[in-house]
Protein backbone atom coordinates (compact mmCIF):
# COMPACT_ATOMS: atom_id res chain seq x y z
CA UNK A 1 0.07 -0.23 -0.03
CA UNK A 2 2.97 2.57 0.83
CA UNK A 3 4.34 1.98 -2.59
CA UNK A 4 1.24 2.52 -4.27
CA UNK A 5 0.63 5.56 -2.21
CA UNK A 6 4.23 7.16 -3.33
CA UNK A 7 3.29 6.05 -7.12
CA UNK A 8 -0.23 8.14 -6.44
CA UNK A 9 1.73 10.60 -4.66
CA UNK A 10 4.46 11.23 -8.00
CA UNK A 11 1.78 10.72 -10.74
CA UNK A 12 -0.32 13.85 -8.68
CA UNK A 13 2.55 15.83 -8.64
CA UNK A 14 3.46 15.02 -12.40
CA UNK A 15 0.14 16.29 -13.33
CA UNK A 16 -0.05 19.31 -11.36
CA UNK A 17 3.89 20.34 -13.14
CA UNK A 18 2.50 19.19 -16.18
CA UNK A 19 -0.72 21.70 -15.82
CA UNK A 20 1.40 24.35 -14.89
CA UNK A 21 3.07 24.03 -17.94
CA UNK A 22 -0.12 24.37 -19.97
CA UNK A 23 0.40 27.74 -21.84
CA UNK A 24 -1.22 30.47 -21.05
CA UNK A 25 -3.55 31.50 -24.01
CA UNK A 26 -3.92 35.25 -25.12
CA UNK A 27 -5.95 36.71 -27.93
CA UNK A 28 -4.79 38.97 -30.30
CA UNK A 29 -7.50 41.17 -32.42
CA UNK A 30 -6.92 42.86 -35.34
CA UNK A 31 -8.51 44.43 -38.82
CA UNK A 32 -5.96 42.81 -40.90
CA UNK A 33 -6.95 39.95 -43.56
CA UNK A 34 -4.02 36.62 -42.79
CA UNK A 35 -2.13 37.48 -45.80
CA UNK A 36 -1.45 41.08 -45.87
CA UNK A 37 1.82 42.48 -44.73
CA UNK A 38 0.56 43.60 -41.46
CA UNK A 39 -1.52 39.85 -41.06
CA UNK A 40 1.62 38.30 -41.96
CA UNK A 41 3.42 40.05 -38.75
CA UNK A 42 0.58 39.48 -36.07
CA UNK A 43 1.04 35.92 -37.15
CA UNK A 44 5.13 36.07 -36.73
CA UNK A 45 4.60 37.55 -33.56
CA UNK A 46 2.57 34.60 -31.86
CA UNK A 47 4.49 31.89 -33.63
CA UNK A 48 7.79 33.21 -32.32
CA UNK A 49 6.25 33.81 -28.76
CA UNK A 50 5.11 30.35 -28.71
CA UNK A 51 8.57 29.34 -29.61
CA UNK A 52 10.81 31.65 -27.04
CA UNK A 53 8.15 30.89 -24.07
CA UNK A 54 8.53 27.26 -24.26
CA UNK A 55 5.10 26.74 -25.56
CA UNK A 56 4.02 28.49 -22.31
CA UNK A 57 2.54 31.62 -24.21
CA UNK A 58 0.68 30.86 -26.91
CA UNK A 59 -1.40 33.63 -29.18
CA UNK A 60 -4.20 33.46 -31.34
CA UNK A 61 -4.60 35.66 -33.90
CA UNK A 62 -8.30 36.92 -34.53
CA UNK A 63 -7.94 38.75 -38.11
CA UNK A 64 -10.49 40.79 -40.22
CA UNK A 65 -12.47 41.90 -37.05
CA UNK A 66 -13.45 38.77 -36.45
CA UNK A 67 -14.21 39.63 -32.42
CA UNK A 68 -16.28 42.92 -33.20
CA UNK A 69 -15.64 46.82 -34.67
CA UNK A 70 -13.32 49.01 -32.57
CA UNK A 71 -15.15 49.95 -29.98
CA UNK A 72 -16.21 46.30 -29.27
CA UNK A 73 -12.82 45.14 -29.05
CA UNK A 74 -11.64 47.89 -26.83
CA UNK A 75 -14.36 46.95 -24.19
CA UNK A 76 -13.26 43.18 -24.43
CA UNK A 77 -9.70 44.46 -24.32
CA UNK A 78 -10.28 46.45 -21.10
CA UNK A 79 -12.14 43.54 -19.56
CA UNK A 80 -9.05 40.86 -20.29
CA UNK A 81 -11.14 39.22 -22.74
CA UNK A 82 -8.64 40.09 -25.37
CA UNK A 83 -5.09 40.21 -24.18
CA UNK A 84 -4.10 42.27 -27.09
CA UNK A 85 -5.62 45.03 -29.86
CA UNK A 86 -2.70 45.50 -33.12
CA UNK A 87 -3.52 48.55 -34.15
CA UNK A 88 -2.63 52.09 -34.86
CA UNK A 89 -2.73 54.03 -31.27
CA UNK A 90 -4.66 56.79 -32.37
CA UNK A 91 -7.93 55.20 -30.95
CA UNK A 92 -6.34 55.91 -27.47
CA UNK A 93 -7.91 59.37 -27.74
CA UNK A 94 -11.29 57.39 -26.39
CA UNK A 95 -9.44 57.80 -22.82
CA UNK A 96 -6.85 60.35 -23.48
CA UNK A 97 -7.48 63.51 -26.08
CA UNK A 98 -4.13 64.36 -26.21
CA UNK A 99 -2.75 61.10 -28.03
CA UNK A 100 -4.35 62.55 -31.03
CA UNK A 101 -1.61 64.68 -31.34
CA UNK A 102 0.84 61.98 -32.31
CA UNK A 103 -0.53 62.17 -35.70
CA UNK A 104 -0.01 66.28 -35.64
CA UNK A 105 0.52 66.80 -39.25
CA UNK A 106 3.51 68.43 -41.05
CA UNK A 107 4.96 68.63 -37.59
CA UNK A 108 7.89 66.24 -37.33
CA UNK A 109 10.73 66.25 -39.64
CA UNK A 110 10.89 62.34 -40.15
CA UNK A 111 10.00 59.15 -38.73
CA UNK A 112 12.86 58.99 -36.25
CA UNK A 113 12.09 62.57 -35.01
CA UNK A 114 8.41 61.37 -34.30
CA UNK A 115 9.78 58.11 -32.82
CA UNK A 116 11.60 59.73 -30.47
CA UNK A 117 8.72 62.00 -29.66
CA UNK A 118 6.71 59.39 -28.79
CA UNK A 119 9.15 57.64 -26.83
CA UNK A 120 9.98 60.89 -24.97
CA UNK A 121 8.80 61.79 -21.38
CA UNK A 122 5.60 63.29 -23.13
CA UNK A 123 4.52 60.44 -25.53
CA UNK A 124 5.26 57.80 -22.03
CA UNK A 125 3.45 60.10 -20.14
CA UNK A 126 0.14 59.95 -22.47
CA UNK A 127 0.52 56.68 -22.52
CA UNK A 128 0.64 56.59 -18.85
CA UNK A 129 -2.50 58.28 -18.33
CA UNK A 130 -4.17 55.46 -20.55
CA UNK A 131 -2.44 52.86 -18.29
CA UNK A 132 -4.13 54.58 -15.55
CA UNK A 133 -7.85 55.49 -17.05
CA UNK A 134 -8.33 52.23 -18.84
CA UNK A 135 -5.98 49.25 -17.95
CA UNK A 136 -4.52 49.12 -21.28
CA UNK A 137 -0.50 49.82 -22.01
CA UNK A 138 1.69 49.61 -24.32
CA UNK A 139 4.27 47.09 -25.49
CA UNK A 140 7.97 47.92 -25.69
CA UNK A 141 8.82 51.04 -28.25
CA UNK A 142 5.02 51.32 -30.19
CA UNK A 143 7.01 52.93 -33.02
CA UNK A 144 8.37 49.57 -34.09
CA UNK A 145 6.29 47.95 -36.64
CA UNK A 146 5.77 50.17 -39.84
CA UNK A 147 2.63 51.13 -40.99
CA UNK A 148 2.08 53.00 -44.26
CA UNK A 149 4.76 53.04 -44.96
CA UNK A 150 4.70 56.67 -45.67
CA UNK A 151 1.48 58.67 -46.49
CA UNK A 152 0.61 59.97 -50.20
CA UNK A 153 -2.32 61.73 -51.42
CA UNK A 154 -4.33 59.99 -54.07
CA UNK A 155 -5.34 62.49 -56.55
CA UNK A 156 -7.30 62.96 -60.19
CA UNK A 157 -5.96 66.44 -60.86
CA UNK A 158 -2.17 66.50 -60.62
CA UNK A 159 -0.90 67.86 -56.98
CA UNK A 160 2.81 68.78 -57.64
CA UNK A 161 2.99 71.47 -54.44
CA UNK A 162 0.97 73.37 -51.64
CA UNK A 163 -0.65 75.70 -54.64
CA UNK A 164 -2.22 72.75 -55.84
CA UNK A 165 -4.18 72.16 -52.34
CA UNK A 166 -6.23 75.14 -53.14
CA UNK A 167 -10.00 74.40 -54.04
CA UNK A 168 -9.32 70.40 -54.16
CA UNK A 169 -11.97 69.16 -53.14
CA UNK A 170 -10.45 66.10 -50.14
CA UNK A 171 -12.12 63.38 -48.79
CA UNK A 172 -11.62 63.09 -44.95
CA UNK A 173 -12.08 60.96 -41.96
CA UNK A 174 -14.48 62.75 -39.60
CA UNK A 175 -11.70 64.19 -37.21
CA UNK A 176 -11.88 67.81 -35.97
CA UNK A 177 -7.75 68.12 -36.11
CA UNK A 178 -7.45 66.63 -39.75
CA UNK A 179 -10.60 68.59 -41.20
CA UNK A 180 -8.97 71.99 -39.68
CA UNK A 181 -5.37 70.59 -41.19
CA UNK A 182 -6.33 70.41 -44.82
CA UNK A 183 -8.99 73.37 -44.45
CA UNK A 184 -6.23 75.44 -43.23
CA UNK A 185 -4.00 74.15 -46.38
CA UNK A 186 -6.43 75.33 -49.01
CA UNK A 187 -8.55 72.16 -49.64
CA UNK A 188 -12.59 72.06 -49.87
CA UNK A 189 -12.36 69.05 -47.41
CA UNK A 190 -15.71 66.82 -47.55
CA UNK A 191 -15.81 63.55 -45.37
CA UNK A 192 -16.73 60.02 -46.30
CA UNK A 193 -16.58 56.85 -44.94
CA UNK A 194 -13.48 54.78 -46.58
CA UNK A 195 -15.58 52.22 -48.23
CA UNK A 196 -17.09 55.33 -50.48
CA UNK A 197 -13.67 56.77 -51.61
CA UNK A 198 -13.32 54.68 -54.69
CA UNK A 199 -17.00 55.64 -56.23
CA UNK A 200 -16.68 59.07 -55.10
CA UNK A 201 -13.69 60.17 -57.16
CA UNK A 202 -14.84 58.13 -59.91
CA UNK A 203 -18.56 60.15 -59.86
CA UNK A 204 -16.40 63.48 -59.52
CA UNK A 205 -18.17 63.97 -55.52
CA UNK A 206 -14.05 64.32 -54.44
CA UNK A 207 -10.76 64.34 -56.30
CA UNK A 208 -8.79 63.29 -53.88
CA UNK A 209 -7.66 61.42 -50.68
CA UNK A 210 -5.01 60.56 -48.27
CA UNK A 211 -4.11 57.07 -47.65
CA UNK A 212 -0.98 55.01 -46.72
CA UNK A 213 0.72 53.68 -49.98
CA UNK A 214 0.20 50.41 -48.97
CA UNK A 215 -3.81 50.74 -49.42
CA UNK A 216 -3.98 52.37 -52.78
CA UNK A 217 -3.55 49.57 -54.70
CA UNK A 218 -6.09 47.31 -52.60
CA UNK A 219 -8.71 49.68 -52.28
CA UNK A 220 -7.65 50.23 -56.17
CA UNK A 221 -7.79 54.07 -56.02
CA UNK A 222 -5.27 54.18 -58.62
CA UNK A 223 -8.14 52.97 -61.20
CA UNK A 224 -10.04 56.16 -60.63
CA UNK A 225 -7.44 58.58 -59.78
CA UNK A 226 -4.16 58.85 -61.97
CA UNK A 227 -1.70 60.56 -59.73
CA UNK A 228 0.30 59.53 -56.28
CA UNK A 229 1.94 62.21 -54.31
CA UNK A 230 3.78 61.21 -51.14
CA UNK A 231 3.21 64.22 -48.57
CA UNK A 232 4.51 62.46 -45.50
CA UNK A 233 2.02 64.38 -43.36
CA UNK A 234 2.45 62.41 -40.55
CA UNK A 235 3.55 58.79 -39.40
CA UNK A 236 2.12 55.86 -38.34
CA UNK A 237 2.95 52.34 -36.60
CA UNK A 238 0.81 49.80 -35.71
CA UNK A 239 1.12 49.13 -31.37
CA UNK A 240 0.31 46.41 -29.64
CA UNK A 241 -1.96 47.64 -27.01
CA UNK A 242 -1.87 45.06 -24.26
CA UNK A 243 -4.28 44.59 -21.04
CA UNK A 244 -2.74 45.84 -18.24
CA UNK A 245 -3.31 43.04 -16.00
CA UNK A 246 -2.68 40.10 -18.39
CA UNK A 247 0.72 41.61 -19.24
CA UNK A 248 1.85 41.99 -15.22
CA UNK A 249 0.80 38.31 -14.86
CA UNK A 250 3.45 36.85 -17.31
CA UNK A 251 6.24 35.42 -15.73
CA UNK A 252 9.74 36.47 -16.41
CA UNK A 253 10.13 34.15 -19.15
CA UNK A 254 6.78 34.65 -20.89
CA UNK A 255 7.45 38.45 -20.74
CA UNK A 256 10.99 38.06 -22.22
CA UNK A 257 9.64 35.81 -25.01
CA UNK A 258 6.96 37.94 -26.02
CA UNK A 259 9.12 41.02 -26.44
CA UNK A 260 11.47 39.60 -28.08
CA UNK A 261 9.18 38.55 -30.16
CA UNK A 262 7.82 42.08 -31.04
CA UNK A 263 10.63 43.36 -31.60
CA UNK A 264 11.71 40.94 -34.14
CA UNK A 265 8.43 41.27 -35.38
CA UNK A 266 9.34 45.03 -35.98
CA UNK A 267 12.31 44.32 -38.63
CA UNK A 268 9.87 41.80 -40.34
CA UNK A 269 7.36 44.50 -40.64
CA UNK A 270 9.85 47.19 -42.10
CA UNK A 271 11.39 44.31 -44.77
CA UNK A 272 7.83 43.15 -46.02
CA UNK A 273 6.04 46.66 -46.05
CA UNK A 274 9.13 48.00 -48.13
CA UNK A 275 8.75 45.05 -50.47
CA UNK A 276 4.84 45.19 -50.70
CA UNK A 277 5.18 48.79 -51.52
CA UNK A 278 8.23 48.48 -54.10
CA UNK A 279 6.09 45.67 -55.80
CA UNK A 280 2.85 47.65 -55.87
CA UNK A 281 4.57 51.14 -56.71
CA UNK A 282 6.03 49.00 -60.09
CA UNK A 283 2.47 47.61 -61.22
CA UNK A 284 1.06 51.28 -61.09
CA UNK A 285 3.46 53.10 -62.30
CA UNK A 286 3.45 50.71 -65.31
CA UNK A 287 -0.26 51.08 -65.84
CA UNK A 288 -0.03 54.91 -66.06
CA UNK A 289 0.49 56.76 -62.70
CA UNK A 290 2.14 59.57 -62.07
CA UNK A 291 4.26 59.08 -58.68
CA UNK A 292 5.78 62.92 -57.29
CA UNK A 293 7.55 63.39 -54.08
CA UNK A 294 6.43 66.69 -52.91
CA UNK A 295 8.80 69.61 -51.55
CA UNK A 296 6.49 69.37 -48.46
CA UNK A 297 8.73 72.93 -47.00
CA UNK A 298 5.75 74.96 -47.75
CA UNK A 299 3.40 72.77 -46.21
CA UNK A 300 5.33 73.14 -42.76
CA UNK A 301 5.44 76.61 -43.23
CA UNK A 302 1.53 76.98 -43.72
CA UNK A 303 1.24 74.47 -40.83
CA UNK A 304 3.35 76.98 -38.41
CA UNK A 305 1.08 79.00 -38.71
CA UNK A 306 -1.56 77.01 -37.78
CA UNK A 307 -0.03 75.61 -34.59
CA UNK A 308 0.89 79.44 -33.63
CA UNK A 309 -2.79 80.16 -33.62
CA UNK A 310 -3.63 77.30 -31.51
CA UNK A 311 -0.68 77.67 -29.27
CA UNK A 312 -2.27 81.29 -28.67
CA UNK A 313 -5.72 80.24 -27.68
CA UNK A 314 -4.39 77.50 -26.00
CA UNK A 315 -5.35 74.89 -27.86
CA UNK A 316 -2.24 72.69 -27.61
CA UNK A 317 -1.64 70.35 -25.30
CA UNK A 318 0.97 72.46 -22.14
CA UNK A 319 4.57 71.95 -23.47
CA UNK A 320 3.65 70.14 -26.78
CA UNK A 321 6.15 72.09 -29.19
CA UNK A 322 8.71 72.42 -26.82
CA UNK A 323 8.58 68.44 -26.74
CA UNK A 324 8.88 68.38 -30.30
CA UNK A 325 11.89 70.58 -30.88
CA UNK A 326 13.45 68.91 -28.07
CA UNK A 327 13.11 65.41 -29.93
CA UNK A 328 15.10 66.95 -32.95
CA UNK A 329 17.76 66.78 -30.88
């Protein structure tokens, strides 16, 4: 009987150890298709996290808004039903309105300048406010996973400089800062859903739309507008927004595995996005698209007046322009 008891105890201990090694399973919600460059990056994060954690942290990827639209996913993220939301972090304005200034148009010299601001004292303070308000935090450097990889204006008439913006019927999403920006630059701004852009250009309701270059061909905008102008109006990335409680509950190995996978995915995103963009541009230019890289200095100068006015009215976050300037160093 004693021997049987010992064997039973050993079996139970082994069972408990096996249960302890069972993977923690996280859910990642995304808007992107599995086979898109972004979708491939998200799956790479899941695969590498499982590998580096020895299978103790697994991430299930739910693409194409399978878990719901943005508002629904944000609720799930807060309640820890979803542990990761992989998306541009502009939606954080839901909790901290100042985060909308991450997308201030013609404010940053280049992507590196923008990244330094996002990861600087002001950007990090905004992220901390989000965590305090919503229990949602950002994973690592939120600028690592490339989106875009740059922004363009797709138009019927040629846009070769700032003067061509005057009177241009430009589609805009319903964002007051974006509307005010492009109105100040001279455009006739018309707010429309993203999915209505193709038909609206085709029928002449609008003449142009701003877009990440990576989405132009997939949205078929090049079929109804023959000019693409690179504007770099602002810079974009895909942050991994994580439920803070779930992240804190990971052990050291799991957290290290997740961070390693994330850092490597950032490098992969640069490779995939740039290759996809080069291939897309080659196809579109071969089909007759005209591509221009705008001199943005006049845009920056015009927007300086805009920001001066907002600052005088007290409508910029306190210390924002000083923090942008400090990030130039």
